[in-house]
N, C-alpha and C. Protein backbone atom coordinates (compact mmCIF):
# COMPACT_ATOMS: atom_id res chain seq x y z
N UNK A 1 -50.11 51.05 39.12
CA UNK A 1 -50.67 50.12 39.83
C UNK A 1 -50.95 51.51 41.07
N UNK A 2 -52.16 52.08 41.28
CA UNK A 2 -52.16 52.30 42.91
C UNK A 2 -52.78 51.68 43.56
N UNK A 3 -53.16 51.01 44.08
CA UNK A 3 -53.14 50.00 45.41
C UNK A 3 -53.19 50.37 46.60
N UNK A 4 -54.52 50.09 47.50
CA UNK A 4 -54.85 50.78 49.02
C UNK A 4 -54.97 49.47 49.66
N UNK A 5 -54.79 49.24 51.27
CA UNK A 5 -55.46 48.43 51.76
C UNK A 5 -55.91 49.14 53.52
N UNK A 6 -57.25 48.09 53.46
CA UNK A 6 -57.36 48.80 54.53
C UNK A 6 -58.38 47.58 55.33
N UNK A 7 -58.69 47.78 56.53
CA UNK A 7 -59.52 46.71 57.54
C UNK A 7 -60.94 47.09 57.85
N UNK A 8 -61.50 46.48 57.76
CA UNK A 8 -63.09 46.39 57.82
C UNK A 8 -63.11 45.89 59.32
N UNK A 9 -64.23 46.33 59.95
CA UNK A 9 -63.91 45.69 61.40
C UNK A 9 -65.22 44.67 61.02
N UNK A 10 -66.17 44.73 61.06
CA UNK A 10 -67.41 44.40 60.34
C UNK A 10 -68.14 44.22 59.05
N UNK A 11 -69.24 43.97 59.01
CA UNK A 11 -70.36 43.67 58.08
C UNK A 11 -70.77 45.26 57.53
N UNK A 12 -71.01 46.16 58.11
CA UNK A 12 -71.32 47.41 58.27
C UNK A 12 -69.72 47.65 57.51
N UNK A 13 -69.34 47.94 58.20
CA UNK A 13 -67.89 48.47 56.91
C UNK A 13 -67.42 48.34 55.60
N UNK A 14 -67.85 47.05 55.43
CA UNK A 14 -68.30 46.38 53.82
C UNK A 14 -68.91 47.14 53.34
N UNK A 15 -69.95 47.29 53.62
CA UNK A 15 -71.12 47.64 53.02
C UNK A 15 -71.09 49.21 52.65
N UNK A 16 -70.51 50.12 53.93
CA UNK A 16 -69.49 51.09 53.87
C UNK A 16 -69.12 51.15 52.35
N UNK A 17 -68.17 50.55 52.59
CA UNK A 17 -66.91 50.76 51.53
C UNK A 17 -67.83 50.37 50.20
N UNK A 18 -69.00 49.97 50.18
CA UNK A 18 -69.33 49.73 48.19
C UNK A 18 -70.37 51.42 48.15
N UNK A 19 -71.05 51.76 49.76
CA UNK A 19 -71.25 52.71 49.41
C UNK A 19 -70.36 53.85 48.53
N UNK A 20 -68.99 54.11 49.98
CA UNK A 20 -67.93 54.78 49.16
C UNK A 20 -67.37 54.36 47.54
N UNK A 21 -67.71 53.79 47.56
CA UNK A 21 -67.52 53.22 45.62
C UNK A 21 -68.07 53.70 45.14
N UNK A 22 -69.32 53.93 45.43
CA UNK A 22 -70.46 54.15 44.59
C UNK A 22 -70.34 55.95 44.13
N UNK A 23 -70.15 56.00 44.78
CA UNK A 23 -69.78 57.80 44.76
C UNK A 23 -69.01 57.94 43.35
N UNK A 24 -68.07 56.91 43.59
CA UNK A 24 -67.30 57.42 42.51
C UNK A 24 -67.15 56.35 41.18
N UNK A 25 -67.74 55.42 40.69
CA UNK A 25 -67.85 54.53 39.86
C UNK A 25 -68.67 55.02 38.66
N UNK A 26 -68.07 55.14 37.30
CA UNK A 26 -69.00 55.10 35.99
C UNK A 26 -68.38 54.18 35.25
N UNK A 27 -69.22 53.96 34.30
CA UNK A 27 -69.49 53.29 33.30
C UNK A 27 -68.65 54.06 32.16
N UNK A 28 -67.65 52.37 31.51
CA UNK A 28 -67.40 51.79 31.55
C UNK A 28 -66.52 51.41 32.63
N UNK A 29 -66.85 49.93 33.35
CA UNK A 29 -66.10 49.44 34.28
C UNK A 29 -66.33 48.26 35.00
N UNK A 30 -64.91 47.43 34.56
CA UNK A 30 -65.02 45.98 35.30
C UNK A 30 -64.35 46.02 36.80
N UNK A 31 -65.09 45.63 37.22
CA UNK A 31 -64.41 44.83 38.80
C UNK A 31 -64.00 43.56 39.49
N UNK A 32 -63.10 42.85 39.60
CA UNK A 32 -62.89 41.78 39.84
C UNK A 32 -62.72 41.64 41.54
N UNK A 33 -63.96 41.15 41.88
CA UNK A 33 -63.88 40.66 43.26
C UNK A 33 -63.22 39.42 44.02
N UNK A 34 -62.66 39.19 44.47
CA UNK A 34 -61.61 37.53 45.65
C UNK A 34 -61.59 37.93 46.35
N UNK A 35 -61.41 36.75 46.98
CA UNK A 35 -61.27 36.00 48.49
C UNK A 35 -62.28 34.75 48.72
N UNK A 36 -61.30 34.16 49.92
CA UNK A 36 -62.17 33.13 50.10
C UNK A 36 -63.98 33.29 50.68
N UNK A 37 -64.74 31.47 50.46
CA UNK A 37 -66.33 32.24 50.59
C UNK A 37 -66.38 32.87 51.86
N UNK A 38 -67.08 33.31 52.08
CA UNK A 38 -67.62 34.09 53.54
C UNK A 38 -67.02 35.40 53.22
N UNK A 39 -65.33 36.27 52.35
CA UNK A 39 -65.07 36.87 52.77
C UNK A 39 -65.69 38.33 52.75
N UNK A 40 -66.55 38.34 52.37
CA UNK A 40 -67.45 39.66 51.87
C UNK A 40 -67.72 39.98 50.68
N UNK A 41 -67.51 39.38 49.93
CA UNK A 41 -67.69 39.79 48.02
C UNK A 41 -69.11 40.55 47.86
N UNK A 42 -70.24 39.91 48.46
CA UNK A 42 -71.12 40.08 48.17
C UNK A 42 -71.88 41.08 49.01
N UNK A 43 -71.67 41.30 50.23
CA UNK A 43 -71.47 41.99 50.97
C UNK A 43 -71.35 43.61 50.50
N UNK A 44 -70.22 43.50 49.78
CA UNK A 44 -69.53 44.78 49.41
C UNK A 44 -70.30 45.36 48.04
N UNK A 45 -70.34 44.07 46.97
CA UNK A 45 -71.66 44.36 45.58
C UNK A 45 -72.91 44.87 46.52
N UNK A 46 -73.39 44.47 47.78
CA UNK A 46 -74.92 44.76 47.70
C UNK A 46 -74.24 46.36 47.91
N UNK A 47 -73.73 46.53 48.88
CA UNK A 47 -73.20 48.21 49.61
C UNK A 47 -73.27 48.98 48.03
N UNK A 48 -72.96 48.70 47.11
CA UNK A 48 -72.95 49.22 45.64
C UNK A 48 -73.71 49.54 45.37
N UNK A 49 -74.19 48.44 45.17
CA UNK A 49 -75.44 48.33 43.93
C UNK A 49 -76.88 48.97 44.63
N UNK A 50 -77.13 48.76 45.83
CA UNK A 50 -77.80 49.84 46.41
C UNK A 50 -77.95 51.13 46.74
N UNK A 51 -77.00 51.31 46.71
CA UNK A 51 -76.29 52.87 46.57
C UNK A 51 -76.11 53.57 45.36
N UNK A 52 -76.22 53.22 44.68
CA UNK A 52 -76.75 53.33 42.60
C UNK A 52 -77.98 53.64 42.91
N UNK A 53 -79.00 53.13 43.83
CA UNK A 53 -80.58 52.92 43.53
C UNK A 53 -81.38 51.89 43.73
N UNK A 54 -80.76 50.90 43.59
CA UNK A 54 -81.67 49.47 44.11
C UNK A 54 -82.12 49.50 45.45
N UNK A 55 -83.19 49.32 45.35
CA UNK A 55 -84.02 49.07 46.20
C UNK A 55 -84.24 48.03 47.33
N UNK A 56 -84.37 46.52 46.07
CA UNK A 56 -84.75 45.57 46.92
C UNK A 56 -83.98 44.82 47.17
N UNK A 57 -83.17 43.79 47.77
CA UNK A 57 -81.99 42.42 48.03
C UNK A 57 -81.00 42.60 46.94
N UNK A 58 -80.01 42.48 46.83
CA UNK A 58 -78.89 42.01 46.41
C UNK A 58 -78.52 40.74 46.86
N UNK A 59 -78.55 39.14 45.72
CA UNK A 59 -78.32 38.17 46.23
C UNK A 59 -77.21 38.10 45.39
N UNK A 60 -76.58 37.27 46.09
CA UNK A 60 -75.39 36.32 45.46
C UNK A 60 -76.37 35.89 43.95
N UNK A 61 -76.19 36.33 42.61
CA UNK A 61 -76.23 34.80 41.81
C UNK A 61 -75.32 33.93 41.40
N UNK A 62 -75.44 33.06 42.46
CA UNK A 62 -74.31 32.10 42.42
C UNK A 62 -75.07 30.81 41.59
N UNK A 63 -76.27 30.77 41.20
CA UNK A 63 -76.89 29.64 40.42
C UNK A 63 -77.37 30.59 38.82
N UNK A 64 -77.28 31.43 38.88
CA UNK A 64 -78.47 32.39 37.65
C UNK A 64 -76.41 32.46 36.93
N UNK A 65 -75.47 33.02 37.59
CA UNK A 65 -74.91 33.17 36.87
C UNK A 65 -74.29 34.97 37.16
N UNK A 66 -75.61 35.48 36.89
CA UNK A 66 -75.79 37.20 36.53
C UNK A 66 -76.80 37.78 36.94
N UNK A 67 -76.48 38.61 37.82
CA UNK A 67 -78.32 39.51 37.87
C UNK A 67 -78.21 40.67 36.89
N UNK A 68 -78.57 41.70 36.51
CA UNK A 68 -79.06 42.65 36.22
C UNK A 68 -79.84 43.59 37.34
N UNK A 69 -79.13 44.83 36.63
CA UNK A 69 -79.40 45.83 37.26
C UNK A 69 -79.70 47.33 36.90
N UNK A 70 -80.75 48.14 36.12
CA UNK A 70 -80.70 49.10 35.62
C UNK A 70 -80.49 50.71 36.59
N UNK A 71 -79.99 51.00 36.41
CA UNK A 71 -79.50 52.11 37.81
C UNK A 71 -79.38 53.23 37.08
N UNK A 72 -79.18 54.44 37.67
CA UNK A 72 -78.84 55.88 37.44
C UNK A 72 -78.17 55.98 35.86
N UNK A 73 -79.03 54.84 34.75
CA UNK A 73 -78.67 55.12 33.26
C UNK A 73 -77.81 53.88 32.84
N UNK A 74 -77.16 53.43 33.80
CA UNK A 74 -75.92 52.53 33.38
C UNK A 74 -77.57 50.76 33.73
N UNK A 75 -76.47 50.04 32.88
CA UNK A 75 -76.79 48.83 33.32
C UNK A 75 -75.40 48.14 33.84
N UNK A 76 -75.96 47.45 35.58
CA UNK A 76 -75.01 46.75 36.32
C UNK A 76 -75.25 45.51 36.18
N UNK A 77 -74.19 44.75 36.46
CA UNK A 77 -73.82 43.41 36.11
C UNK A 77 -73.19 42.71 37.17
N UNK A 78 -73.83 41.90 37.87
CA UNK A 78 -73.49 41.33 38.89
C UNK A 78 -73.35 39.63 38.71
N UNK A 79 -71.53 39.40 38.46
CA UNK A 79 -71.85 37.86 38.44
C UNK A 79 -70.70 37.54 39.69
N UNK A 80 -72.00 35.97 39.78
CA UNK A 80 -70.69 35.25 40.70
C UNK A 80 -70.58 34.06 39.37
N UNK A 81 -69.04 33.88 39.61
CA UNK A 81 -68.94 32.62 39.08
C UNK A 81 -68.19 31.27 39.74
N UNK A 82 -68.76 31.25 40.75
CA UNK A 82 -68.30 30.11 42.03
C UNK A 82 -68.89 29.11 41.34
N UNK A 83 -69.64 28.57 40.57
CA UNK A 83 -70.52 27.17 40.43
C UNK A 83 -69.75 27.35 38.91
N UNK A 84 -69.45 28.05 38.34
CA UNK A 84 -69.01 27.92 36.58
C UNK A 84 -68.06 26.27 36.19
N UNK A 85 -68.34 25.99 36.34
CA UNK A 85 -67.38 24.37 35.56
C UNK A 85 -66.44 24.37 34.77
N UNK A 86 -66.50 25.07 33.74
CA UNK A 86 -65.93 25.61 32.24
C UNK A 86 -65.93 27.23 31.74
N UNK A 87 -65.35 27.49 31.79
CA UNK A 87 -64.95 29.03 31.17
C UNK A 87 -65.83 29.09 29.75
N UNK A 88 -65.92 28.21 29.51
CA UNK A 88 -66.70 27.80 27.73
C UNK A 88 -68.11 28.45 27.87
N UNK A 89 -68.77 28.15 28.73
CA UNK A 89 -69.80 28.57 29.81
C UNK A 89 -70.39 29.72 29.51
N UNK A 90 -69.16 30.45 29.76
CA UNK A 90 -69.93 31.79 29.73
C UNK A 90 -69.81 32.03 28.16
N UNK A 91 -69.12 31.80 27.00
CA UNK A 91 -69.36 31.86 25.21
C UNK A 91 -71.11 31.55 25.38
N UNK A 92 -72.10 30.61 26.10
CA UNK A 92 -73.05 29.94 25.97
C UNK A 92 -74.34 31.43 26.16
N UNK A 93 -73.85 31.74 27.13
CA UNK A 93 -74.84 32.69 27.95
C UNK A 93 -74.22 34.41 26.93
N UNK A 94 -73.19 34.24 26.31
CA UNK A 94 -72.92 35.79 25.18
C UNK A 94 -72.61 36.32 26.36
N UNK A 95 -70.95 36.36 26.77
CA UNK A 95 -70.59 36.91 28.09
C UNK A 95 -70.22 38.22 27.18
N UNK A 96 -69.55 38.23 26.06
CA UNK A 96 -69.46 39.71 25.14
C UNK A 96 -70.42 40.81 25.19
N UNK A 97 -71.51 40.45 25.43
CA UNK A 97 -72.58 41.23 25.17
C UNK A 97 -73.05 41.88 26.53
N UNK A 98 -72.57 41.65 27.95
CA UNK A 98 -72.73 42.54 28.83
C UNK A 98 -71.95 43.48 28.85
N UNK A 99 -70.36 43.31 28.40
CA UNK A 99 -69.56 44.73 28.35
C UNK A 99 -69.38 45.28 27.51
N UNK A 100 -70.29 46.51 28.13
CA UNK A 100 -70.75 47.87 26.75
C UNK A 100 -69.86 48.67 27.03
N UNK A 101 -70.44 50.19 26.41
CA UNK A 101 -69.74 51.52 27.08
C UNK A 101 -70.53 51.62 28.42
N UNK A 102 -71.73 51.25 28.19
CA UNK A 102 -72.53 52.05 29.34
C UNK A 102 -73.06 50.91 30.78
N UNK A 103 -71.70 50.03 30.99
CA UNK A 103 -71.46 48.81 31.93
C UNK A 103 -71.09 49.13 33.22
N UNK A 104 -71.33 48.43 34.12
CA UNK A 104 -70.24 48.74 35.16
C UNK A 104 -70.61 46.97 36.00
N UNK A 105 -70.07 46.23 35.34
CA UNK A 105 -69.40 44.82 35.73
C UNK A 105 -68.80 44.78 36.69
N UNK A 106 -69.56 43.47 37.85
CA UNK A 106 -68.69 43.33 39.15
C UNK A 106 -68.75 41.74 39.15
N UNK A 107 -67.29 41.46 39.21
CA UNK A 107 -67.78 39.66 38.72
C UNK A 107 -66.89 39.13 39.98
N UNK A 108 -67.73 38.33 41.00
CA UNK A 108 -66.88 37.15 42.05
C UNK A 108 -66.73 36.29 41.32
N UNK A 109 -65.16 35.89 42.05
CA UNK A 109 -64.41 34.23 41.55
C UNK A 109 -64.06 34.63 39.94
N UNK A 110 -63.40 35.62 39.19
CA UNK A 110 -63.33 36.35 37.91
C UNK A 110 -62.40 35.04 37.15
N UNK A 111 -61.34 34.40 38.73
CA UNK A 111 -60.71 33.22 37.91
C UNK A 111 -61.08 32.12 37.18
N UNK A 112 -62.28 32.29 37.79
CA UNK A 112 -63.17 30.77 37.20
C UNK A 112 -63.50 31.08 35.69
N UNK A 113 -63.63 32.51 35.39
CA UNK A 113 -63.96 32.79 33.39
C UNK A 113 -62.25 33.06 32.41
N UNK A 114 -61.49 32.80 33.17
CA UNK A 114 -60.52 33.01 32.90
C UNK A 114 -60.07 32.72 31.12
N UNK A 115 -59.78 34.13 30.42
CA UNK A 115 -59.70 34.01 29.36
C UNK A 115 -60.67 34.35 28.09
N UNK A 116 -61.65 34.63 29.02
CA UNK A 116 -63.16 34.89 28.07
C UNK A 116 -64.16 36.29 28.89
N UNK A 117 -62.74 36.91 29.93
CA UNK A 117 -63.74 38.18 30.36
C UNK A 117 -62.87 39.06 30.37
N UNK A 118 -63.35 40.28 30.29
CA UNK A 118 -62.16 41.39 29.43
C UNK A 118 -61.45 41.65 31.61
N UNK A 119 -60.10 42.45 31.03
CA UNK A 119 -59.05 42.77 31.86
C UNK A 119 -60.32 44.02 33.17
N UNK A 120 -59.63 43.69 34.14
CA UNK A 120 -59.98 44.12 35.42
C UNK A 120 -59.58 45.53 35.39
N UNK A 121 -60.45 46.81 35.37
CA UNK A 121 -60.30 48.15 35.76
C UNK A 121 -59.94 48.27 36.98
N UNK A 122 -60.13 47.94 38.32
CA UNK A 122 -60.17 47.35 39.69
C UNK A 122 -60.46 45.86 40.11
N UNK A 123 -58.66 45.21 41.40
CA UNK A 123 -59.51 44.42 41.38
C UNK A 123 -59.03 44.68 42.98
N UNK A 124 -60.35 44.02 43.41
CA UNK A 124 -60.47 44.17 44.78
C UNK A 124 -60.45 42.76 45.77
N UNK A 125 -59.70 42.40 46.82
CA UNK A 125 -59.56 41.54 47.22
C UNK A 125 -59.80 41.40 48.36
N UNK A 126 -60.73 40.63 49.60
CA UNK A 126 -60.74 40.78 50.94
C UNK A 126 -60.48 39.55 51.27
N UNK A 127 -59.91 39.90 52.71
CA UNK A 127 -59.30 38.63 53.54
C UNK A 127 -59.86 38.11 54.76
N UNK A 128 -59.64 37.43 55.57
CA UNK A 128 -59.67 37.42 56.98
C UNK A 128 -58.52 37.60 57.66
N UNK A 129 -58.48 38.83 58.42
CA UNK A 129 -57.47 39.25 59.85
C UNK A 129 -58.05 39.18 61.21
N UNK A 130 -58.55 37.67 61.36
CA UNK A 130 -58.99 37.78 62.97
C UNK A 130 -60.45 37.71 62.92
N UNK A 131 -60.72 38.83 63.62
CA UNK A 131 -62.63 38.84 63.89
C UNK A 131 -62.39 39.87 62.96
N UNK A 132 -61.52 40.59 62.06
CA UNK A 132 -61.94 41.54 60.98
C UNK A 132 -61.51 41.26 59.42
N UNK A 133 -62.05 41.92 58.75
CA UNK A 133 -61.23 42.01 57.00
C UNK A 133 -60.26 42.45 57.00
N UNK A 134 -59.81 42.14 55.57
CA UNK A 134 -58.94 43.57 55.30
C UNK A 134 -58.84 43.41 53.61
N UNK A 135 -59.26 44.40 52.89
CA UNK A 135 -59.24 45.07 51.63
C UNK A 135 -58.12 45.35 51.41
N UNK A 136 -57.92 44.74 50.06
CA UNK A 136 -56.91 45.36 48.72
C UNK A 136 -57.24 45.40 47.36
N UNK A 137 -57.61 47.44 46.83
CA UNK A 137 -58.24 47.49 46.11
C UNK A 137 -57.19 47.90 45.65
N UNK A 138 -56.77 47.79 44.53
CA UNK A 138 -55.73 47.93 43.24
C UNK A 138 -56.43 48.78 41.59
N UNK A 139 -55.98 49.66 41.47
CA UNK A 139 -56.33 50.02 40.43
C UNK A 139 -55.68 49.12 38.77
N UNK A 140 -55.63 48.74 37.95
CA UNK A 140 -55.15 47.85 37.22
C UNK A 140 -55.26 48.80 35.61
N UNK A 141 -55.99 49.88 35.43
CA UNK A 141 -55.87 50.75 34.35
C UNK A 141 -55.98 51.69 34.60
N UNK A 142 -56.12 52.87 33.73
CA UNK A 142 -56.23 53.84 34.08
C UNK A 142 -57.08 54.53 34.89
N UNK A 143 -58.49 53.93 34.46
CA UNK A 143 -59.75 54.23 34.95
C UNK A 143 -59.73 53.97 36.37
N UNK A 144 -59.03 52.94 36.38
CA UNK A 144 -58.94 51.94 38.22
C UNK A 144 -58.15 52.76 39.00
N UNK A 145 -57.13 53.47 38.16
CA UNK A 145 -55.99 53.93 39.07
C UNK A 145 -56.85 54.92 40.24
N UNK A 146 -57.50 55.86 38.87
CA UNK A 146 -58.22 57.21 39.38
C UNK A 146 -59.28 56.58 40.41
N UNK A 147 -59.95 55.76 40.35
CA UNK A 147 -60.93 55.54 41.20
C UNK A 147 -60.82 54.88 43.36
N UNK A 148 -59.27 54.36 42.45
CA UNK A 148 -58.50 54.27 44.05
C UNK A 148 -58.34 55.74 44.44
N UNK A 149 -57.28 56.18 43.68
CA UNK A 149 -56.87 57.27 44.48
C UNK A 149 -57.68 58.26 45.02
N UNK A 150 -59.27 58.48 44.12
CA UNK A 150 -60.20 59.23 44.87
C UNK A 150 -60.79 58.53 46.01
N UNK A 151 -60.75 57.32 46.17
CA UNK A 151 -61.24 56.43 47.59
C UNK A 151 -60.68 57.32 48.64
N UNK A 152 -59.24 57.71 48.56
CA UNK A 152 -58.80 57.72 50.04
C UNK A 152 -57.78 58.96 49.41
N UNK A 153 -58.28 59.78 49.05
CA UNK A 153 -57.56 61.24 49.12
C UNK A 153 -58.62 62.24 49.66
């Protein structure tokens, strides 16, 4: 496992990390985003999704569970499972159909879908540290390890 920690001084630094990630991501890829409410998960997702070519707003899919984007010939799925009451709800929405060779999946609150989600390639944990945030990126697969290594070499 390749793991790095970094401090993010403000919202723009969180967006910039998403921009940096966009330089190295390729499908298929599963990214887990964890951290408390307000830690910057959606902000990081916004930086990544907009850097991949989305011109509009990137909102948290808290009520819809998933927002799809077709960018650079890939499907990007941004999941927010915060309001998920039971992981079985994912079966009803056909969760397995979202994970193909042509998709990048960004999943906030992945613990809420335990047992029904594929394993993460990259796990990103955001936490508060005083006025700034700390982010830890961990490669969980070979593809994830390569991505994390590229970010800081």
